[in-house]
Amino acid sequence: MQVHHYGIDVSHLEASVEFYQTFLHLKVIERMSFMDEKIVFLAGDGLCIELIEGPDGRPPASAHLAFLVNDLGQLMNELGNRGFVPAEGPYRIKKDWKSAFYKGPDGEMIEFMEMKEI
């Protein structure tokens, strides 16, 4: 099964969690804090949403698009061979979750995330 992953910047994390649980029937699979941000992952029916609330309840400064990948290291090597360098990371989020951010051709922020268990 293919899983689609989306990162969404929010200003009211718990209201957003309730919305996605109620209307899309997603379940919380992880809650964490990372670099002054509160993050909640919700998943179900091939969809994974990463809700991100910045410090003081503000959404982070920039939105990003997120993709799940099977092997972050391999993808980073392929991107490096084509002249792309990470804008941020790679980060180890959990024991078996890794993430790296790249800027796309138009400067858009793209996150590639390897999650062994979702």
Protein backbone atom coordinates (compact mmCIF):
# COMPACT_ATOMS: atom_id res chain seq x y z
CA MET A 1 0.00 0.00 0.00
CA GLN A 2 1.29 3.44 -0.89
CA VAL A 3 1.02 6.08 1.82
CA HIS A 4 0.62 9.76 0.96
CA HIS A 5 2.27 12.12 3.49
CA TYR A 6 1.44 15.79 3.92
CA GLY A 7 2.98 18.37 6.24
CA ILE A 8 0.52 21.04 7.37
CA ASP A 9 1.50 24.13 9.37
CA VAL A 10 -1.19 25.08 11.89
CA SER A 11 -1.76 27.70 14.57
CA HIS A 12 -4.18 25.66 16.75
CA LEU A 13 -2.75 22.16 16.94
CA GLU A 14 -5.43 20.47 19.06
CA ALA A 15 -8.30 21.97 17.03
CA SER A 16 -6.61 20.65 13.86
CA VAL A 17 -6.08 17.20 15.41
CA GLU A 18 -9.78 17.06 16.34
CA PHE A 19 -10.82 18.15 12.83
CA TYR A 20 -8.76 15.44 11.05
CA GLN A 21 -9.83 12.77 13.55
CA THR A 22 -13.51 13.68 13.20
CA PHE A 23 -13.84 14.28 9.48
CA LEU A 24 -11.15 12.02 7.97
CA HIS A 25 -11.21 9.38 10.74
CA LEU A 26 -7.43 9.56 11.12
CA LYS A 27 -5.76 8.23 14.26
CA VAL A 28 -2.90 9.88 16.14
CA ILE A 29 0.19 7.70 15.66
CA GLU A 30 2.79 9.98 17.27
CA ARG A 31 3.10 13.21 19.26
CA MET A 32 6.45 14.90 19.71
CA SER A 33 8.33 18.15 20.09
CA PHE A 34 11.19 18.92 17.72
CA MET A 35 13.17 22.16 17.44
CA ASP A 36 10.59 24.25 19.38
CA GLU A 37 7.70 22.86 17.31
CA LYS A 38 4.87 20.62 18.47
CA ILE A 39 4.21 17.87 15.93
CA VAL A 40 1.37 15.37 15.67
CA PHE A 41 1.28 12.59 13.06
CA LEU A 42 -2.14 11.20 12.12
CA ALA A 43 -2.67 8.29 9.73
CA GLY A 44 -5.33 6.13 8.12
CA ASP A 45 -6.44 4.78 4.73
CA GLY A 46 -3.09 5.40 3.02
CA LEU A 47 -2.78 8.97 4.29
CA CYS A 48 -0.36 10.40 6.84
CA ILE A 49 -0.66 14.01 7.98
CA GLU A 50 2.01 15.82 9.95
CA LEU A 51 0.52 18.79 11.84
CA ILE A 52 3.12 21.32 12.97
CA GLU A 53 2.61 24.15 15.45
CA GLY A 54 5.48 26.59 16.01
CA PRO A 55 6.50 28.36 19.21
CA ASP A 56 3.79 30.36 21.00
CA GLY A 57 1.03 28.68 18.96
CA ARG A 58 2.16 30.22 15.67
CA PRO A 59 2.44 28.18 12.51
CA PRO A 60 6.06 27.73 11.36
CA ALA A 61 7.42 30.46 9.10
CA SER A 62 7.15 28.45 5.89
CA ALA A 63 4.91 25.70 4.58
CA HIS A 64 6.38 22.59 3.02
CA LEU A 65 5.42 19.55 1.00
CA ALA A 66 6.36 16.17 2.48
CA PHE A 67 6.95 12.80 0.83
CA LEU A 68 7.51 9.40 2.42
CA VAL A 69 10.48 7.51 0.99
CA ASN A 70 11.72 3.98 1.57
CA ASP A 71 15.42 4.84 1.90
CA LEU A 72 16.36 8.43 2.75
CA GLY A 73 20.09 7.77 2.46
CA GLN A 74 19.75 6.43 -1.08
CA LEU A 75 17.58 9.38 -2.13
CA MET A 76 20.03 11.85 -0.59
CA ASN A 77 22.86 10.23 -2.59
CA GLU A 78 20.82 10.50 -5.80
CA LEU A 79 19.97 14.14 -5.10
CA GLY A 80 23.62 14.88 -4.23
CA ASN A 81 24.77 13.35 -7.51
CA ARG A 82 22.54 15.88 -9.27
CA GLY A 83 23.88 18.86 -7.33
CA PHE A 84 21.14 19.15 -4.69
CA VAL A 85 22.23 19.64 -1.08
CA PRO A 86 19.97 19.53 1.95
CA ALA A 87 18.56 22.86 3.10
CA GLU A 88 18.07 21.26 6.54
CA GLY A 89 19.02 17.94 8.05
CA PRO A 90 19.17 15.07 7.82
CA TYR A 91 17.48 14.71 11.19
CA ARG A 92 16.80 11.57 13.18
CA ILE A 93 13.30 12.16 14.51
CA LYS A 94 12.90 8.81 16.26
CA LYS A 95 14.95 5.63 16.31
CA ASP A 96 13.68 4.62 12.87
CA TRP A 97 12.35 7.93 11.45
CA LYS A 98 14.63 10.22 9.44
CA SER A 99 13.96 13.47 7.63
CA ALA A 100 15.76 15.90 5.31
CA PHE A 101 14.59 19.10 3.65
CA TYR A 102 15.54 20.29 0.17
CA LYS A 103 14.64 23.34 -1.87
CA GLY A 104 12.91 22.50 -5.12
CA PRO A 105 13.57 24.19 -8.46
CA ASP A 106 11.41 27.21 -7.55
CA GLY A 107 12.62 27.46 -3.95
CA GLU A 108 9.73 25.45 -2.52
CA MET A 109 10.63 23.50 0.62
CA ILE A 110 10.31 19.72 0.24
CA GLU A 111 10.67 17.26 3.09
CA PHE A 112 11.64 13.67 2.44
CA MET A 113 10.87 11.39 5.39
CA GLU A 114 11.68 7.76 6.03
CA MET A 115 9.29 6.22 8.57
CA LYS A 116 9.80 2.51 9.11
CA GLU A 117 6.58 2.07 11.09
CA ILE A 118 3.37 4.02 10.51
